[in-house]
């Protein structure tokens, strides 16, 4: 299945789904594709905004830089609950505490409990320098 951004001669934009590129051409030649706004059959493909590559002045981030950015994001946007992570996650899950983003540490046993209770979480490995004040 392929999706094309389409436009009629009157300038109305819409989307069309086809088995493949040939199916679009066959249906267009047979007059089977029409604008949903004005029923015009003069329809053509237009570039999709997500398919247009733009120049970027930024080079791809190294693994180290990406890890640093993730760590900074977590620090700014998640409350650090330390070793109470599992307890706080359960409180949030069951509505005892307000919904919020939290981060912290947990043991393997606590992680098994969270999984059993259906509490969504994910683990992010952090470097030692980010874990401690050493």
Protein backbone atom coordinates (compact mmCIF):
# COMPACT_ATOMS: atom_id res chain seq x y z
CA UNK A 1 0.00 0.00 0.00
CA UNK A 2 1.29 3.46 -0.90
CA UNK A 3 -0.11 6.87 0.05
CA UNK A 4 0.15 9.86 -2.26
CA UNK A 5 -0.63 13.49 -1.59
CA UNK A 6 -2.85 14.55 -4.47
CA UNK A 7 -4.17 17.82 -5.84
CA UNK A 8 -6.88 18.60 -8.36
CA UNK A 9 -6.69 21.31 -11.04
CA UNK A 10 -8.71 23.60 -8.73
CA UNK A 11 -5.99 23.34 -6.05
CA UNK A 12 -7.78 21.11 -3.54
CA UNK A 13 -5.34 18.83 -1.75
CA UNK A 14 -6.23 15.34 -0.58
CA UNK A 15 -4.71 11.92 0.06
CA UNK A 16 -5.02 8.76 -2.00
CA UNK A 17 -4.14 5.17 -1.06
CA UNK A 18 -3.08 2.72 -3.78
CA UNK A 19 -1.70 -0.81 -4.02
CA UNK A 20 1.37 0.59 -5.84
CA UNK A 21 2.48 3.39 -8.18
CA UNK A 22 1.11 1.59 -11.24
CA UNK A 23 -2.35 1.36 -9.65
CA UNK A 24 -2.40 5.16 -9.31
CA UNK A 25 -1.53 5.62 -13.00
CA UNK A 26 -4.14 3.08 -14.19
CA UNK A 27 -6.90 4.58 -12.02
CA UNK A 28 -5.96 8.11 -13.13
CA UNK A 29 -6.10 7.14 -16.83
CA UNK A 30 -9.50 5.53 -16.30
CA UNK A 31 -10.83 8.65 -14.55
CA UNK A 32 -11.43 6.75 -11.33
CA UNK A 33 -9.64 9.26 -9.09
CA UNK A 34 -11.58 12.42 -8.34
CA UNK A 35 -11.31 15.31 -5.91
CA UNK A 36 -13.50 14.75 -2.85
CA UNK A 37 -14.28 18.49 -2.76
CA UNK A 38 -15.19 19.33 -6.36
CA UNK A 39 -15.16 15.92 -8.15
CA UNK A 40 -12.50 17.10 -10.64
CA UNK A 41 -10.74 14.12 -12.28
CA UNK A 42 -7.70 16.19 -13.33
CA UNK A 43 -5.64 14.92 -10.40
CA UNK A 44 -1.87 14.82 -9.98
CA UNK A 45 0.62 13.79 -7.33
CA UNK A 46 2.32 16.51 -5.29
CA UNK A 47 5.41 16.20 -3.08
CA UNK A 48 4.69 15.13 0.47
CA UNK A 49 6.05 17.47 3.09
CA UNK A 50 7.51 14.58 5.08
CA UNK A 51 9.33 13.28 1.99
CA UNK A 52 11.18 16.50 1.24
CA UNK A 53 14.71 16.44 2.60
CA UNK A 54 15.93 19.78 3.80
CA UNK A 55 19.51 20.78 4.36
CA UNK A 56 20.58 20.66 7.95
CA UNK A 57 23.50 22.50 9.42
CA UNK A 58 23.63 20.12 12.37
CA UNK A 59 25.76 17.03 12.19
CA UNK A 60 24.34 13.83 13.70
CA UNK A 61 24.94 13.55 17.43
CA UNK A 62 27.52 11.13 18.72
CA UNK A 63 26.35 8.39 21.06
CA UNK A 64 27.91 10.25 23.98
CA UNK A 65 26.21 13.54 23.10
CA UNK A 66 22.88 11.81 22.60
CA UNK A 67 23.16 10.09 25.98
CA UNK A 68 23.99 13.43 27.58
CA UNK A 69 20.92 15.05 25.94
CA UNK A 70 18.65 12.23 27.15
CA UNK A 71 20.07 12.52 30.66
CA UNK A 72 19.51 16.28 30.68
CA UNK A 73 15.94 15.85 29.42
CA UNK A 74 15.16 13.30 32.13
CA UNK A 75 16.68 15.52 34.80
CA UNK A 76 14.61 18.54 33.72
CA UNK A 77 11.30 16.77 33.04
CA UNK A 78 11.09 13.91 35.58
CA UNK A 79 10.92 14.16 39.36
CA UNK A 80 13.73 12.19 41.01
CA UNK A 81 12.17 9.89 43.61
CA UNK A 82 15.40 7.98 44.22
CA UNK A 83 15.08 4.46 45.58
CA UNK A 84 11.31 4.99 46.13
CA UNK A 85 10.66 4.62 42.40
CA UNK A 86 8.57 1.43 42.61
CA UNK A 87 6.50 2.72 45.56
CA UNK A 88 5.81 6.06 43.84
CA UNK A 89 5.05 4.39 40.50
CA UNK A 90 2.47 2.15 42.18
CA UNK A 91 0.85 5.15 43.92
CA UNK A 92 0.55 6.97 40.59
CA UNK A 93 -0.71 3.83 38.83
CA UNK A 94 -3.51 3.32 41.36
CA UNK A 95 -4.46 7.01 41.59
CA UNK A 96 -3.19 7.60 45.13
CA UNK A 97 -0.73 10.21 43.82
CA UNK A 98 -1.15 12.66 40.95
CA UNK A 99 0.04 11.72 37.47
CA UNK A 100 3.59 12.94 36.88
CA UNK A 101 6.84 11.84 35.27
CA UNK A 102 9.18 10.21 37.77
CA UNK A 103 12.65 8.73 37.66
CA UNK A 104 14.64 6.76 40.17
CA UNK A 105 16.10 3.37 40.91
CA UNK A 106 14.53 -0.01 41.53
CA UNK A 107 15.58 -3.53 42.31
CA UNK A 108 14.89 -6.50 40.03
CA UNK A 109 12.21 -7.66 42.48
CA UNK A 110 10.52 -4.26 42.40
CA UNK A 111 10.60 -4.30 38.59
CA UNK A 112 8.93 -7.73 38.56
CA UNK A 113 6.22 -6.36 40.87
CA UNK A 114 5.67 -3.33 38.62
CA UNK A 115 5.35 -5.61 35.58
CA UNK A 116 2.92 -7.88 37.43
CA UNK A 117 0.77 -4.87 38.42
CA UNK A 118 0.78 -3.55 34.85
CA UNK A 119 2.74 -0.39 35.64
CA UNK A 120 4.49 0.88 32.49
CA UNK A 121 8.13 1.86 32.97
CA UNK A 122 11.39 1.75 31.08
CA UNK A 123 14.98 1.58 32.13
CA UNK A 124 17.58 4.07 30.95
CA UNK A 125 21.19 3.18 31.63
CA UNK A 126 23.00 6.13 33.14
CA UNK A 127 26.73 6.64 33.37
CA UNK A 128 28.34 6.62 36.78
CA UNK A 129 29.06 10.38 36.64
CA UNK A 130 25.33 11.05 36.20
CA UNK A 131 24.31 8.59 38.93
CA UNK A 132 26.42 9.96 41.71
CA UNK A 133 28.07 13.12 42.94
CA UNK A 134 31.53 11.43 42.98
